[in-house]
């Protein structure tokens, strides 16, 4: 591995909430207009070979990946709005809780894009998702900011605020 590679800006994207039938070719057709792609992988169950509903798209250049996120996040692919975020290569950062904000008491009208748009004003979001319970109801959400400072700003401004007549 190239020792300088860790200092390069990341250009790997996670693409989630994919329809079962989305293929690498479909993703290539969607993402390639933004720049050269190094690889695309739809993640599949090892036994059944069925899609797990997410993929990784690796661009050659960070700026191309950044443009793809801006243009394609929450757009429809095979009838579903996809969530695109930077791929977090370091699992310890993802699991550390740094920059995480949990939102409860969400109105049923709040969707992934709404949640992302509401919280993006506070800082760069690495991931966001409305969380569904076992009955398919959604009452909470998770937002993972790049920095703890952004998470703290979001909590300070949004805690107890009314959103669609519900206090979050």
N, C-alpha and C. Protein backbone atom coordinates (compact mmCIF):
# COMPACT_ATOMS: atom_id res chain seq x y z
N UNK A 1 0.84 -1.19 0.00
CA UNK A 1 0.00 0.00 0.00
C UNK A 1 0.88 1.25 0.00
N UNK A 2 0.46 2.22 -0.74
CA UNK A 2 1.19 3.48 -0.84
C UNK A 2 1.05 4.25 0.47
N UNK A 3 2.14 4.56 1.17
CA UNK A 3 2.04 5.26 2.46
C UNK A 3 1.39 6.63 2.34
N UNK A 4 1.50 7.25 1.18
CA UNK A 4 0.88 8.57 1.03
C UNK A 4 -0.62 8.48 0.77
N UNK A 5 -1.12 7.27 0.53
CA UNK A 5 -2.54 7.10 0.20
C UNK A 5 -3.45 7.57 1.34
N UNK A 6 -2.99 7.44 2.59
CA UNK A 6 -3.83 7.85 3.71
C UNK A 6 -4.03 9.36 3.75
N UNK A 7 -3.13 10.10 3.11
CA UNK A 7 -3.27 11.55 3.11
C UNK A 7 -4.12 12.05 1.94
N UNK A 8 -4.45 11.15 1.00
CA UNK A 8 -5.27 11.56 -0.14
C UNK A 8 -6.71 11.76 0.30
N UNK A 9 -7.41 12.75 -0.29
CA UNK A 9 -8.81 12.92 0.06
C UNK A 9 -9.61 11.70 -0.40
N UNK A 10 -10.53 11.29 0.42
CA UNK A 10 -11.31 10.10 0.08
C UNK A 10 -12.22 10.36 -1.11
N UNK A 11 -12.45 9.32 -1.87
CA UNK A 11 -13.31 9.43 -3.05
C UNK A 11 -14.23 8.22 -3.14
N UNK A 12 -14.49 7.59 -2.00
CA UNK A 12 -15.32 6.39 -1.95
C UNK A 12 -16.68 6.73 -1.34
N UNK A 13 -17.73 6.32 -2.05
CA UNK A 13 -19.09 6.61 -1.61
C UNK A 13 -19.85 5.34 -1.25
N UNK A 14 -20.66 5.45 -0.21
CA UNK A 14 -21.63 4.42 0.16
C UNK A 14 -22.94 4.82 -0.50
N UNK A 15 -23.60 3.89 -1.17
CA UNK A 15 -24.90 4.14 -1.79
C UNK A 15 -25.87 3.15 -1.17
N UNK A 16 -26.83 3.65 -0.39
CA UNK A 16 -27.75 2.79 0.33
C UNK A 16 -29.19 2.94 -0.09
N UNK A 17 -30.03 2.09 0.49
CA UNK A 17 -31.47 2.02 0.21
C UNK A 17 -31.73 1.65 -1.24
N UNK A 18 -30.87 0.78 -1.79
CA UNK A 18 -31.00 0.38 -3.18
C UNK A 18 -32.11 -0.66 -3.37
N UNK A 19 -32.78 -0.57 -4.50
CA UNK A 19 -33.73 -1.60 -4.92
C UNK A 19 -32.96 -2.90 -5.13
N UNK A 20 -33.58 -4.01 -4.88
CA UNK A 20 -32.98 -5.34 -4.98
C UNK A 20 -32.35 -5.60 -6.35
N UNK A 21 -32.92 -5.02 -7.41
CA UNK A 21 -32.48 -5.32 -8.77
C UNK A 21 -31.42 -4.36 -9.33
N UNK A 22 -30.95 -3.41 -8.52
CA UNK A 22 -29.94 -2.47 -9.01
C UNK A 22 -28.61 -3.22 -9.20
N UNK A 23 -27.99 -3.00 -10.37
CA UNK A 23 -26.73 -3.67 -10.71
C UNK A 23 -25.58 -2.67 -10.77
N UNK A 24 -24.36 -3.21 -10.85
CA UNK A 24 -23.18 -2.36 -11.01
C UNK A 24 -23.28 -1.53 -12.30
N UNK A 25 -23.81 -2.13 -13.35
CA UNK A 25 -23.94 -1.41 -14.63
C UNK A 25 -24.87 -0.20 -14.48
N UNK A 26 -25.99 -0.39 -13.80
CA UNK A 26 -26.92 0.72 -13.57
C UNK A 26 -26.23 1.84 -12.78
N UNK A 27 -25.47 1.46 -11.75
CA UNK A 27 -24.78 2.46 -10.94
C UNK A 27 -23.69 3.15 -11.76
N UNK A 28 -23.01 2.40 -12.61
CA UNK A 28 -22.00 3.02 -13.47
C UNK A 28 -22.65 4.06 -14.38
N UNK A 29 -23.79 3.71 -14.97
CA UNK A 29 -24.48 4.65 -15.85
C UNK A 29 -24.93 5.90 -15.09
N UNK A 30 -25.28 5.75 -13.83
CA UNK A 30 -25.74 6.87 -13.01
C UNK A 30 -24.58 7.76 -12.56
N UNK A 31 -23.47 7.14 -12.14
CA UNK A 31 -22.37 7.88 -11.53
C UNK A 31 -21.27 8.31 -12.49
N UNK A 32 -21.07 7.61 -13.60
CA UNK A 32 -19.94 7.89 -14.49
C UNK A 32 -19.96 9.29 -15.12
N UNK A 33 -21.13 9.93 -15.32
CA UNK A 33 -21.07 11.29 -15.86
C UNK A 33 -20.32 12.28 -14.96
N UNK A 34 -20.06 11.92 -13.70
CA UNK A 34 -19.40 12.83 -12.77
C UNK A 34 -17.88 12.71 -12.80
N UNK A 35 -17.36 11.64 -13.42
CA UNK A 35 -15.92 11.49 -13.52
C UNK A 35 -15.49 10.04 -13.54
N UNK A 36 -14.18 9.82 -13.70
CA UNK A 36 -13.67 8.45 -13.79
C UNK A 36 -13.92 7.65 -12.51
N UNK A 37 -14.40 6.43 -12.69
CA UNK A 37 -14.72 5.54 -11.58
C UNK A 37 -13.69 4.42 -11.54
N UNK A 38 -13.16 4.15 -10.36
CA UNK A 38 -12.18 3.07 -10.20
C UNK A 38 -12.88 1.72 -10.02
N UNK A 39 -13.97 1.71 -9.23
CA UNK A 39 -14.68 0.45 -9.00
C UNK A 39 -16.08 0.72 -8.48
N UNK A 40 -16.94 -0.27 -8.69
CA UNK A 40 -18.31 -0.26 -8.15
C UNK A 40 -18.59 -1.67 -7.66
N UNK A 41 -19.16 -1.76 -6.46
CA UNK A 41 -19.51 -3.08 -5.93
C UNK A 41 -20.86 -3.01 -5.23
N UNK A 42 -21.82 -3.78 -5.76
CA UNK A 42 -23.09 -3.98 -5.07
C UNK A 42 -22.85 -5.12 -4.10
N UNK A 43 -23.10 -4.89 -2.82
CA UNK A 43 -22.84 -5.91 -1.80
C UNK A 43 -23.97 -6.93 -1.81
N UNK A 44 -23.57 -8.22 -1.78
CA UNK A 44 -24.54 -9.31 -1.91
C UNK A 44 -24.37 -10.32 -0.80
N UNK A 45 -25.46 -11.00 -0.49
CA UNK A 45 -25.44 -12.09 0.47
C UNK A 45 -24.56 -13.21 -0.09
N UNK A 46 -23.66 -13.71 0.71
CA UNK A 46 -22.71 -14.73 0.23
C UNK A 46 -23.40 -16.04 -0.16
N UNK A 47 -24.49 -16.35 0.49
CA UNK A 47 -25.16 -17.63 0.23
C UNK A 47 -26.17 -17.50 -0.91
N UNK A 48 -27.06 -16.52 -0.82
CA UNK A 48 -28.13 -16.40 -1.82
C UNK A 48 -27.71 -15.60 -3.05
N UNK A 49 -26.69 -14.74 -2.91
CA UNK A 49 -26.29 -13.90 -4.03
C UNK A 49 -27.20 -12.70 -4.25
N UNK A 50 -28.17 -12.52 -3.37
CA UNK A 50 -29.11 -11.39 -3.49
C UNK A 50 -28.47 -10.11 -2.94
N UNK A 51 -28.85 -9.00 -3.53
CA UNK A 51 -28.33 -7.71 -3.10
C UNK A 51 -28.72 -7.43 -1.65
N UNK A 52 -27.79 -6.83 -0.92
CA UNK A 52 -28.06 -6.43 0.46
C UNK A 52 -28.63 -5.00 0.52
N UNK A 53 -28.79 -4.37 -0.64
CA UNK A 53 -29.41 -3.05 -0.68
C UNK A 53 -28.44 -1.88 -0.55
N UNK A 54 -27.14 -2.16 -0.70
CA UNK A 54 -26.17 -1.07 -0.67
C UNK A 54 -24.99 -1.41 -1.56
N UNK A 55 -24.24 -0.36 -1.91
CA UNK A 55 -23.10 -0.53 -2.80
C UNK A 55 -22.03 0.49 -2.46
N UNK A 56 -20.83 0.29 -3.02
CA UNK A 56 -19.75 1.25 -2.90
C UNK A 56 -19.33 1.68 -4.30
N UNK A 57 -19.20 3.00 -4.48
CA UNK A 57 -18.74 3.56 -5.74
C UNK A 57 -17.46 4.33 -5.43
N UNK A 58 -16.38 3.93 -6.07
CA UNK A 58 -15.07 4.54 -5.83
C UNK A 58 -14.62 5.35 -7.03
N UNK A 59 -14.57 6.65 -6.84
CA UNK A 59 -14.14 7.57 -7.88
C UNK A 59 -12.62 7.71 -7.86
N UNK A 60 -12.08 8.13 -8.97
CA UNK A 60 -10.64 8.40 -9.03
C UNK A 60 -10.32 9.72 -8.33
N UNK A 61 -11.25 10.69 -8.40
CA UNK A 61 -10.99 12.02 -7.85
C UNK A 61 -12.05 12.41 -6.81
N UNK A 62 -11.58 12.98 -5.72
CA UNK A 62 -12.46 13.42 -4.64
C UNK A 62 -13.52 14.41 -5.13
N UNK A 63 -13.13 15.37 -5.94
CA UNK A 63 -14.07 16.40 -6.41
C UNK A 63 -15.22 15.78 -7.21
N UNK A 64 -14.93 14.75 -7.99
CA UNK A 64 -15.98 14.08 -8.76
C UNK A 64 -16.97 13.38 -7.83
N UNK A 65 -16.44 12.71 -6.80
CA UNK A 65 -17.30 12.06 -5.81
C UNK A 65 -18.17 13.09 -5.09
N UNK A 66 -17.56 14.21 -4.75
CA UNK A 66 -18.29 15.28 -4.06
C UNK A 66 -19.44 15.81 -4.93
N UNK A 67 -19.18 16.00 -6.22
CA UNK A 67 -20.22 16.46 -7.13
C UNK A 67 -21.33 15.43 -7.28
N UNK A 68 -20.97 14.15 -7.28
CA UNK A 68 -21.97 13.09 -7.38
C UNK A 68 -22.88 13.08 -6.15
N UNK A 69 -22.29 13.26 -4.96
CA UNK A 69 -23.10 13.30 -3.73
C UNK A 69 -24.10 14.45 -3.82
N UNK A 70 -23.63 15.62 -4.18
CA UNK A 70 -24.50 16.79 -4.25
C UNK A 70 -25.64 16.61 -5.25
N UNK A 71 -25.33 16.02 -6.39
CA UNK A 71 -26.32 15.90 -7.46
C UNK A 71 -27.26 14.71 -7.30
N UNK A 72 -26.78 13.62 -6.72
CA UNK A 72 -27.54 12.37 -6.75
C UNK A 72 -28.15 11.94 -5.42
N UNK A 73 -27.73 12.53 -4.30
CA UNK A 73 -28.27 12.09 -3.01
C UNK A 73 -29.79 12.25 -3.00
N UNK A 74 -30.47 11.17 -2.66
CA UNK A 74 -31.94 11.09 -2.56
C UNK A 74 -32.64 11.10 -3.92
N UNK A 75 -31.89 10.90 -5.01
CA UNK A 75 -32.55 10.76 -6.31
C UNK A 75 -33.05 9.33 -6.45
N UNK A 76 -33.95 9.14 -7.40
CA UNK A 76 -34.58 7.83 -7.60
C UNK A 76 -33.73 6.96 -8.52
N UNK A 77 -33.48 5.74 -8.09
CA UNK A 77 -32.90 4.71 -8.93
C UNK A 77 -33.80 3.50 -8.79
N UNK A 78 -34.38 3.09 -9.89
CA UNK A 78 -35.35 1.99 -9.92
C UNK A 78 -36.49 2.23 -8.92
N UNK A 79 -36.98 3.47 -8.90
CA UNK A 79 -38.16 3.80 -8.10
C UNK A 79 -37.92 4.03 -6.63
N UNK A 80 -36.66 4.07 -6.19
CA UNK A 80 -36.36 4.31 -4.77
C UNK A 80 -35.39 5.46 -4.61
N UNK A 81 -35.63 6.33 -3.62
CA UNK A 81 -34.64 7.39 -3.35
C UNK A 81 -33.43 6.79 -2.64
N UNK A 82 -32.26 6.96 -3.22
CA UNK A 82 -31.05 6.37 -2.64
C UNK A 82 -30.35 7.37 -1.72
N UNK A 83 -29.71 6.84 -0.68
CA UNK A 83 -28.92 7.65 0.24
C UNK A 83 -27.47 7.48 -0.13
N UNK A 84 -26.78 8.60 -0.35
CA UNK A 84 -25.37 8.56 -0.70
C UNK A 84 -24.59 9.31 0.36
N UNK A 85 -23.53 8.68 0.83
CA UNK A 85 -22.69 9.33 1.83
C UNK A 85 -21.26 8.88 1.65
N UNK A 86 -20.36 9.58 2.28
CA UNK A 86 -18.95 9.19 2.21
C UNK A 86 -18.78 7.86 2.92
N UNK A 87 -18.02 6.98 2.30
CA UNK A 87 -17.74 5.69 2.90
C UNK A 87 -16.77 5.91 4.06
N UNK A 88 -17.13 5.42 5.23
CA UNK A 88 -16.29 5.57 6.42
C UNK A 88 -15.39 4.35 6.53
N UNK A 89 -14.14 4.51 6.15
CA UNK A 89 -13.21 3.38 6.12
C UNK A 89 -12.76 2.95 7.51
N UNK A 90 -12.77 3.84 8.45
CA UNK A 90 -12.28 3.53 9.79
C UNK A 90 -13.47 3.17 10.69
N UNK A 91 -13.71 1.86 10.94
CA UNK A 91 -14.87 1.47 11.73
C UNK A 91 -14.85 2.00 13.16
N UNK A 92 -13.66 2.29 13.71
CA UNK A 92 -13.61 2.81 15.07
C UNK A 92 -14.21 4.21 15.13
N UNK A 93 -14.03 5.01 14.07
CA UNK A 93 -14.66 6.33 14.03
C UNK A 93 -16.17 6.20 13.94
N UNK A 94 -16.62 5.26 13.12
CA UNK A 94 -18.06 5.07 12.91
C UNK A 94 -18.72 4.65 14.21
N UNK A 95 -18.04 3.82 14.99
CA UNK A 95 -18.64 3.27 16.21
C UNK A 95 -18.36 4.11 17.45
N UNK A 96 -17.51 5.12 17.34
CA UNK A 96 -17.08 5.88 18.51
C UNK A 96 -18.20 6.72 19.12
N UNK A 97 -19.18 7.09 18.30
CA UNK A 97 -20.25 7.96 18.78
C UNK A 97 -19.93 9.43 18.62
N UNK A 98 -18.70 9.76 18.25
CA UNK A 98 -18.31 11.15 18.05
C UNK A 98 -19.08 11.70 16.85
N UNK A 99 -19.78 12.81 17.07
CA UNK A 99 -20.52 13.45 16.00
C UNK A 99 -21.91 12.89 15.76
N UNK A 100 -22.33 11.92 16.60
CA UNK A 100 -23.66 11.32 16.43
C UNK A 100 -24.73 12.11 17.15
N UNK A 101 -25.88 12.27 16.47
CA UNK A 101 -27.04 12.91 17.09
C UNK A 101 -28.23 11.98 16.88
N UNK A 102 -28.94 11.67 17.96
CA UNK A 102 -30.15 10.86 17.91
C UNK A 102 -31.34 11.79 18.04
N UNK A 103 -32.29 11.66 17.13
CA UNK A 103 -33.48 12.52 17.14
C UNK A 103 -34.69 11.63 17.39
N UNK A 104 -35.47 11.97 18.42
CA UNK A 104 -36.66 11.16 18.68
C UNK A 104 -37.92 12.01 18.52
N UNK A 105 -39.04 11.32 18.44
CA UNK A 105 -40.37 11.93 18.31
C UNK A 105 -40.56 12.60 16.94
N UNK A 106 -40.01 12.00 15.88
CA UNK A 106 -40.19 12.55 14.54
C UNK A 106 -41.60 12.31 14.04
N UNK A 107 -42.12 13.27 13.32
CA UNK A 107 -43.41 13.13 12.66
C UNK A 107 -43.26 12.15 11.50
N UNK A 108 -44.35 11.45 11.17
CA UNK A 108 -44.28 10.44 10.10
C UNK A 108 -44.02 11.05 8.73
N UNK A 109 -44.16 12.36 8.60
CA UNK A 109 -43.91 13.01 7.31
C UNK A 109 -42.42 13.24 7.05
N UNK A 110 -41.58 13.04 8.06
CA UNK A 110 -40.14 13.26 7.91
C UNK A 110 -39.51 12.03 7.25
N UNK A 111 -38.83 12.25 6.15
CA UNK A 111 -38.16 11.18 5.41
C UNK A 111 -36.65 11.44 5.46
N UNK A 112 -35.87 10.53 4.87
CA UNK A 112 -34.41 10.64 4.89
C UNK A 112 -33.93 11.98 4.36
N UNK A 113 -34.47 12.41 3.22
CA UNK A 113 -34.04 13.68 2.63
C UNK A 113 -34.39 14.86 3.53
N UNK A 114 -35.58 14.84 4.12
CA UNK A 114 -36.00 15.91 5.03
C UNK A 114 -35.04 16.01 6.21
N UNK A 115 -34.71 14.86 6.79
CA UNK A 115 -33.79 14.83 7.93
C UNK A 115 -32.43 15.39 7.53
N UNK A 116 -31.92 14.94 6.40
CA UNK A 116 -30.63 15.41 5.91
C UNK A 116 -30.65 16.93 5.70
N UNK A 117 -31.68 17.42 5.01
CA UNK A 117 -31.78 18.86 4.73
C UNK A 117 -31.89 19.68 6.00
N UNK A 118 -32.64 19.19 6.98
CA UNK A 118 -32.82 19.91 8.25
C UNK A 118 -31.51 20.08 9.00
N UNK A 119 -30.67 19.05 8.98
CA UNK A 119 -29.47 19.06 9.81
C UNK A 119 -28.21 19.47 9.07
N UNK A 120 -28.23 19.53 7.74
CA UNK A 120 -27.01 19.85 6.98
C UNK A 120 -26.54 21.29 7.22
N UNK A 121 -27.41 22.15 7.72
CA UNK A 121 -27.00 23.54 8.00
C UNK A 121 -25.99 23.63 9.16
N UNK A 122 -25.88 22.56 9.96
CA UNK A 122 -25.01 22.59 11.13
C UNK A 122 -23.59 22.10 10.85
N UNK A 123 -23.40 21.43 9.70
CA UNK A 123 -22.08 20.92 9.37
C UNK A 123 -22.15 19.78 8.38
N UNK A 124 -20.99 19.27 8.01
CA UNK A 124 -20.92 18.19 7.03
C UNK A 124 -21.45 16.90 7.64
N UNK A 125 -22.43 16.29 6.97
CA UNK A 125 -23.05 15.06 7.44
C UNK A 125 -22.39 13.87 6.76
N UNK A 126 -21.93 12.92 7.56
CA UNK A 126 -21.36 11.69 7.01
C UNK A 126 -22.47 10.70 6.69
N UNK A 127 -23.51 10.66 7.51
CA UNK A 127 -24.66 9.79 7.24
C UNK A 127 -25.86 10.29 8.02
N UNK A 128 -27.03 9.98 7.50
CA UNK A 128 -28.27 10.29 8.20
C UNK A 128 -29.31 9.28 7.77
N UNK A 129 -30.22 8.97 8.69
CA UNK A 129 -31.23 7.96 8.37
C UNK A 129 -32.40 8.07 9.34
N UNK A 130 -33.61 7.98 8.79
CA UNK A 130 -34.79 7.83 9.62
C UNK A 130 -34.85 6.37 10.03
N UNK A 131 -35.11 6.11 11.31
CA UNK A 131 -35.10 4.76 11.84
C UNK A 131 -36.54 4.25 11.98
N UNK A 132 -36.76 3.05 11.48
CA UNK A 132 -38.07 2.41 11.53
C UNK A 132 -38.09 1.35 12.61
N UNK A 133 -39.24 1.22 13.31
CA UNK A 133 -39.36 0.15 14.30
C UNK A 133 -39.85 -1.12 13.61
N UNK A 134 -40.08 -2.16 14.41
CA UNK A 134 -40.49 -3.46 13.83
C UNK A 134 -41.84 -3.41 13.13
N UNK A 135 -42.63 -2.39 13.37
CA UNK A 135 -43.94 -2.25 12.73
C UNK A 135 -43.89 -1.34 11.51
N UNK A 136 -42.71 -0.88 11.16
CA UNK A 136 -42.56 0.00 10.00
C UNK A 136 -42.85 1.46 10.31
N UNK A 137 -43.05 1.78 11.59
CA UNK A 137 -43.28 3.17 11.97
C UNK A 137 -41.94 3.86 12.17
N UNK A 138 -41.91 5.15 11.87
CA UNK A 138 -40.67 5.90 12.07
C UNK A 138 -40.92 7.01 13.08
N UNK A 139 -40.14 7.00 14.11
CA UNK A 139 -40.29 8.00 15.14
C UNK A 139 -38.95 8.61 15.53
N UNK A 140 -37.87 8.09 14.96
CA UNK A 140 -36.56 8.60 15.34
C UNK A 140 -35.63 8.64 14.14
N UNK A 141 -34.51 9.32 14.35
CA UNK A 141 -33.53 9.41 13.28
C UNK A 141 -32.14 9.51 13.86
N UNK A 142 -31.15 9.24 13.02
CA UNK A 142 -29.75 9.32 13.40
C UNK A 142 -29.04 10.20 12.38
N UNK A 143 -28.22 11.11 12.88
CA UNK A 143 -27.39 11.94 12.02
C UNK A 143 -25.97 11.85 12.55
N UNK A 144 -25.03 11.51 11.66
CA UNK A 144 -23.62 11.42 12.05
C UNK A 144 -22.87 12.54 11.34
N UNK A 145 -22.43 13.51 12.13
CA UNK A 145 -21.67 14.65 11.61
C UNK A 145 -20.19 14.32 11.55
N UNK A 146 -19.49 15.03 10.69
CA UNK A 146 -18.05 14.85 10.57
C UNK A 146 -17.32 15.29 11.84
N UNK A 147 -17.88 16.29 12.53
CA UNK A 147 -17.22 16.80 13.73
C UNK A 147 -18.18 16.81 14.92
N UNK A 148 -17.60 16.72 16.09
CA UNK A 148 -18.39 16.80 17.32
C UNK A 148 -18.99 18.20 17.47
N UNK A 149 -18.26 19.21 17.01
CA UNK A 149 -18.75 20.60 17.11
C UNK A 149 -20.05 20.78 16.34
N UNK A 150 -20.13 20.20 15.14
CA UNK A 150 -21.35 20.30 14.34
C UNK A 150 -22.50 19.60 15.05
N UNK A 151 -22.22 18.44 15.65
CA UNK A 151 -23.26 17.71 16.39
C UNK A 151 -23.76 18.55 17.56
N UNK A 152 -22.84 19.19 18.27
CA UNK A 152 -23.23 20.01 19.42
C UNK A 152 -24.06 21.22 18.99
N UNK A 153 -23.70 21.84 17.85
CA UNK A 153 -24.51 22.95 17.31
C UNK A 153 -25.93 22.48 16.98
N UNK A 154 -26.03 21.33 16.37
CA UNK A 154 -27.34 20.78 15.99
C UNK A 154 -28.19 20.52 17.23
N UNK A 155 -27.59 19.93 18.25
CA UNK A 155 -28.32 19.64 19.48
C UNK A 155 -28.76 20.93 20.14
N UNK A 156 -27.86 21.90 20.20
CA UNK A 156 -28.18 23.19 20.83
C UNK A 156 -29.36 23.88 20.14
N UNK A 157 -29.38 23.86 18.82
CA UNK A 157 -30.41 24.58 18.07
C UNK A 157 -31.71 23.79 17.92
N UNK A 158 -31.63 22.45 17.81
CA UNK A 158 -32.80 21.65 17.48
C UNK A 158 -33.48 21.00 18.68
N UNK A 159 -32.77 20.83 19.79
CA UNK A 159 -33.35 20.14 20.94
C UNK A 159 -34.58 20.88 21.44
N UNK A 160 -35.72 20.18 21.47
CA UNK A 160 -36.96 20.76 21.95
C UNK A 160 -37.70 21.59 20.92
N UNK A 161 -37.17 21.71 19.73
CA UNK A 161 -37.82 22.50 18.67
C UNK A 161 -39.05 21.76 18.14
N UNK A 162 -40.04 22.53 17.68
CA UNK A 162 -41.22 21.93 17.07
C UNK A 162 -40.95 21.68 15.61
N UNK A 163 -41.22 20.47 15.18
CA UNK A 163 -41.10 20.09 13.78
C UNK A 163 -42.40 19.41 13.38
N UNK A 164 -43.14 20.07 12.50
CA UNK A 164 -44.48 19.56 12.11
C UNK A 164 -45.34 19.30 13.35
N UNK A 165 -45.35 20.28 14.25
CA UNK A 165 -46.14 20.24 15.49
C UNK A 165 -45.73 19.16 16.48
N UNK A 166 -44.53 18.61 16.31
CA UNK A 166 -44.01 17.63 17.28
C UNK A 166 -42.69 18.15 17.83
N UNK A 167 -42.54 18.05 19.13
CA UNK A 167 -41.31 18.50 19.81
C UNK A 167 -40.26 17.41 19.68
N UNK A 168 -39.11 17.76 19.04
CA UNK A 168 -38.05 16.76 18.83
C UNK A 168 -36.93 16.95 19.83
